[in-house]
Amino acid sequence: MSIRVLLVDDHSVVRQGLRMFLSLDPDLEVVGEASNGAEGIEQVRKLHPQVVLMDLVMPVMDGITAIQNLRKEFPDVEVIALTSVLEDEKVVGAIRAGAIGYLLKDTQADELCRAIKAAANGQVQLSPQAAARLVREIKAPDSPEKLTERETDVLRLLALGRSNKEIANELVIGEKTVKTHVSNILMKLGLSSRTQAALYAVKIGLVS
């Protein structure tokens, strides 16, 4: 089963380039394209991708607003922010909105394919520079509901960059159960993405 990917960027040349790169990987299938955030949300409703590559600076609706809306409506769809600049406020905005990853447009094709597969598996991947900036920004929830022991185990492994499958194997539970635990963790902590949960785990010292 190939991973369904949607491209959202206002430059058709960028979309063509991405489509060409990604079509070389048999595990990935580009199911559609959109030229702004609003169109992107429409396409997600129609095409049900697993991963969305989202440009941040676009007309009509920018990427950060689109990510926020997508996370509310489709919590199972993972979004990778794809941008030409590593600007603090953009990184923070994208991750706060719920993106699972943040990549620069000059990322190598194989690295991009790896990041898409990792996102589809629920793996958090952040460059150390981005992570360092973000930990300072993530606000610990005011009164986090207590996580169960099992939820804490899942959070720790998620923060270590493990995929759903790896977490399932390590804790000897089903992959579906892992997803349920992750949903519960996000709900209890009032967070909108696994990446935020991972940063929270770093912040409270659960992982270094």
Protein backbone atom coordinates (compact mmCIF):
# COMPACT_ATOMS: atom_id res chain seq x y z
CA MET A 1 0.00 0.00 0.00
CA SER A 2 1.56 3.27 -1.06
CA ILE A 3 1.37 6.38 1.11
CA ARG A 4 -1.09 8.95 -0.25
CA VAL A 5 0.45 12.42 -0.45
CA LEU A 6 -1.12 15.81 -1.22
CA LEU A 7 1.03 18.77 -2.37
CA VAL A 8 -0.02 22.28 -1.36
CA ASP A 9 2.08 25.11 -2.81
CA ASP A 10 1.20 28.24 -4.77
CA HIS A 11 4.02 27.71 -7.30
CA SER A 12 3.15 25.15 -9.97
CA VAL A 13 6.87 24.66 -10.74
CA VAL A 14 7.50 23.60 -7.14
CA ARG A 15 4.55 21.19 -7.25
CA GLN A 16 5.78 19.69 -10.55
CA GLY A 17 9.26 19.22 -9.11
CA LEU A 18 7.93 17.57 -5.96
CA ARG A 19 5.60 15.33 -7.98
CA MET A 20 8.52 14.24 -10.16
CA PHE A 21 10.79 13.44 -7.18
CA LEU A 22 8.07 11.61 -5.27
CA SER A 23 6.89 9.58 -8.27
CA LEU A 24 10.31 7.89 -8.34
CA ASP A 25 9.55 6.26 -4.98
CA PRO A 26 7.21 3.26 -5.38
CA ASP A 27 6.02 3.64 -1.77
CA LEU A 28 4.60 7.12 -2.38
CA GLU A 29 1.63 8.23 -4.46
CA VAL A 30 0.84 11.90 -5.11
CA VAL A 31 -2.96 11.92 -5.09
CA GLY A 32 -3.45 15.62 -5.79
CA GLU A 33 -2.26 19.22 -5.65
CA ALA A 34 -3.58 22.54 -4.38
CA SER A 35 -2.36 26.10 -4.79
CA ASN A 36 -3.44 27.55 -1.44
CA GLY A 37 -4.51 26.46 2.04
CA ALA A 38 -8.25 26.64 1.44
CA GLU A 39 -7.96 24.53 -1.71
CA GLY A 40 -5.71 22.15 0.24
CA ILE A 41 -8.42 21.53 2.83
CA GLU A 42 -10.97 20.90 0.04
CA GLN A 43 -8.61 18.36 -1.54
CA VAL A 44 -8.03 16.57 1.78
CA ARG A 45 -11.82 16.17 2.11
CA LYS A 46 -11.99 14.70 -1.38
CA LEU A 47 -8.79 12.67 -1.67
CA HIS A 48 -8.07 11.45 1.90
CA PRO A 49 -4.25 11.69 1.80
CA GLN A 50 -2.20 10.37 4.73
CA VAL A 51 0.44 13.10 4.51
CA VAL A 52 0.18 16.70 3.28
CA LEU A 53 3.25 18.70 2.20
CA MET A 54 2.26 22.27 3.02
CA ASP A 55 3.94 25.47 1.89
CA LEU A 56 3.57 28.20 4.52
CA VAL A 57 3.39 31.41 2.50
CA MET A 58 0.40 31.27 0.11
CA PRO A 59 -2.45 33.54 -1.01
CA VAL A 60 -6.11 33.09 0.07
CA MET A 61 -5.18 30.98 3.12
CA ASP A 62 -1.64 30.61 4.41
CA GLY A 63 -0.14 27.29 5.46
CA ILE A 64 -0.25 27.83 9.21
CA THR A 65 -4.00 28.60 9.19
CA ALA A 66 -4.58 25.62 6.90
CA ILE A 67 -2.59 23.32 9.23
CA GLN A 68 -4.69 24.46 12.22
CA ASN A 69 -7.92 23.77 10.36
CA LEU A 70 -6.72 20.42 9.06
CA ARG A 71 -5.65 19.20 12.49
CA LYS A 72 -9.11 20.02 13.87
CA GLU A 73 -11.00 18.37 11.04
CA PHE A 74 -8.61 15.49 10.20
CA PRO A 75 -6.50 14.62 13.24
CA ASP A 76 -5.21 11.47 11.48
CA VAL A 77 -3.70 13.36 8.54
CA GLU A 78 -0.09 14.36 9.20
CA VAL A 79 1.23 17.64 7.80
CA ILE A 80 4.84 18.45 6.95
CA ALA A 81 5.56 22.16 6.63
CA LEU A 82 7.70 22.79 3.58
CA THR A 83 9.22 26.22 3.26
CA SER A 84 12.13 28.13 1.82
CA VAL A 85 13.17 29.77 5.09
CA LEU A 86 14.01 28.59 8.59
CA GLU A 87 12.38 31.53 10.36
CA ASP A 88 11.80 31.15 14.06
CA GLU A 89 8.25 32.43 13.99
CA LYS A 90 7.36 30.20 11.02
CA VAL A 91 8.82 27.08 12.65
CA VAL A 92 7.06 27.84 15.90
CA GLY A 93 3.81 28.77 14.15
CA ALA A 94 3.78 25.60 12.04
CA ILE A 95 4.53 23.28 14.96
CA ARG A 96 2.10 25.08 17.23
CA ALA A 97 -0.56 24.71 14.52
CA GLY A 98 0.08 20.95 14.52
CA ALA A 99 2.64 20.10 11.81
CA ILE A 100 4.54 16.87 12.54
CA GLY A 101 7.64 18.05 10.68
CA TYR A 102 9.33 21.09 9.19
CA LEU A 103 11.50 20.85 6.10
CA LEU A 104 13.27 23.34 3.88
CA LYS A 105 12.55 23.28 0.16
CA ASP A 106 16.19 22.58 -0.61
CA THR A 107 15.94 19.24 1.24
CA GLN A 108 17.32 16.34 -0.83
CA ALA A 109 14.67 14.18 -2.53
CA ASP A 110 15.58 11.02 -0.60
CA GLU A 111 15.43 12.90 2.69
CA LEU A 112 11.99 14.25 1.76
CA CYS A 113 10.75 10.73 0.92
CA ARG A 114 12.10 9.46 4.26
CA ALA A 115 10.34 12.29 6.12
CA ILE A 116 7.01 11.52 4.41
CA LYS A 117 7.26 7.83 5.33
CA ALA A 118 8.22 8.72 8.91
CA ALA A 119 5.22 11.08 9.18
CA ALA A 120 2.87 8.39 7.85
CA ASN A 121 4.24 6.06 10.57
CA GLY A 122 3.73 8.71 13.22
CA GLN A 123 7.44 9.36 13.72
CA VAL A 124 8.44 12.78 14.95
CA GLN A 125 11.43 14.14 13.05
CA LEU A 126 12.83 17.55 13.84
CA SER A 127 16.24 18.91 13.10
CA PRO A 128 18.15 19.54 16.39
CA GLN A 129 18.22 23.29 15.61
CA ALA A 130 14.45 23.42 15.20
CA ALA A 131 13.89 21.28 18.31
CA ALA A 132 16.09 23.54 20.46
CA ARG A 133 14.10 26.62 19.40
CA LEU A 134 10.79 24.88 19.90
CA VAL A 135 11.25 23.46 23.38
CA ARG A 136 11.46 27.03 24.68
CA GLU A 137 8.18 27.84 22.97
CA ILE A 138 5.99 24.92 23.93
CA LYS A 139 3.82 25.92 26.83
CA ALA A 140 3.17 23.19 29.33
CA PRO A 141 -0.61 22.83 29.70
CA ASP A 142 -2.03 24.67 32.71
CA SER A 143 -3.37 21.61 34.45
CA PRO A 144 -2.48 18.52 32.50
CA GLU A 145 -4.76 15.61 33.27
CA LYS A 146 -2.74 12.77 34.68
CA LEU A 147 -1.45 10.41 32.04
CA THR A 148 -1.74 6.73 32.86
CA GLU A 149 1.46 4.72 33.19
CA ARG A 150 0.90 3.20 29.75
CA GLU A 151 0.28 6.62 28.19
CA THR A 152 3.51 7.87 29.75
CA ASP A 153 5.38 4.91 28.20
CA VAL A 154 3.86 5.70 24.79
CA LEU A 155 4.75 9.39 25.14
CA ARG A 156 8.36 8.56 26.04
CA LEU A 157 8.81 6.26 23.01
CA LEU A 158 7.06 8.72 20.71
CA ALA A 159 9.44 11.45 21.88
CA LEU A 160 12.39 9.16 21.10
CA GLY A 161 11.22 9.13 17.47
CA ARG A 162 9.78 5.62 17.42
CA SER A 163 7.11 4.73 14.84
CA ASN A 164 3.68 3.42 15.85
CA LYS A 165 4.78 -0.06 14.86
CA GLU A 166 7.95 0.14 16.99
CA ILE A 167 6.00 1.42 19.99
CA ALA A 168 3.47 -1.40 19.53
CA ASN A 169 6.25 -4.02 19.40
CA GLU A 170 8.09 -2.60 22.38
CA LEU A 171 5.00 -2.41 24.60
CA VAL A 172 3.47 -5.61 23.17
CA ILE A 173 0.20 -3.93 22.18
CA GLY A 174 -1.59 -3.43 18.84
CA GLU A 175 -0.79 -0.54 16.51
CA LYS A 176 -4.43 0.63 16.78
CA THR A 177 -4.05 0.75 20.55
CA VAL A 178 -0.94 2.93 20.16
CA LYS A 179 -2.95 5.38 18.02
CA THR A 180 -5.70 5.48 20.65
CA HIS A 181 -3.13 6.17 23.39
CA VAL A 182 -1.61 8.98 21.31
CA SER A 183 -5.07 10.55 20.76
CA ASN A 184 -5.73 10.37 24.50
CA ILE A 185 -2.33 11.92 25.32
CA LEU A 186 -2.97 14.84 22.93
CA MET A 187 -6.46 15.35 24.33
CA LYS A 188 -5.32 15.26 27.97
CA LEU A 189 -2.41 17.63 27.34
CA GLY A 190 -4.43 19.94 25.09
CA LEU A 191 -1.92 19.55 22.24
CA SER A 192 -2.59 19.13 18.52
CA SER A 193 0.31 17.02 17.23
CA ARG A 194 2.78 14.31 18.13
CA THR A 195 5.60 16.78 17.66
CA GLN A 196 4.15 19.01 20.37
CA ALA A 197 3.79 15.97 22.62
CA ALA A 198 7.44 15.03 21.99
CA LEU A 199 8.59 18.56 22.86
CA TYR A 200 6.44 18.47 25.99
CA ALA A 201 8.15 15.20 26.98
CA VAL A 202 11.53 16.92 26.61
CA LYS A 203 10.32 19.93 28.57
CA ILE A 204 9.14 17.87 31.56
CA GLY A 205 12.36 15.80 31.46
CA LEU A 206 10.74 12.52 30.37
CA VAL A 207 13.42 12.26 27.68
CA SER A 208 16.59 14.28 27.30
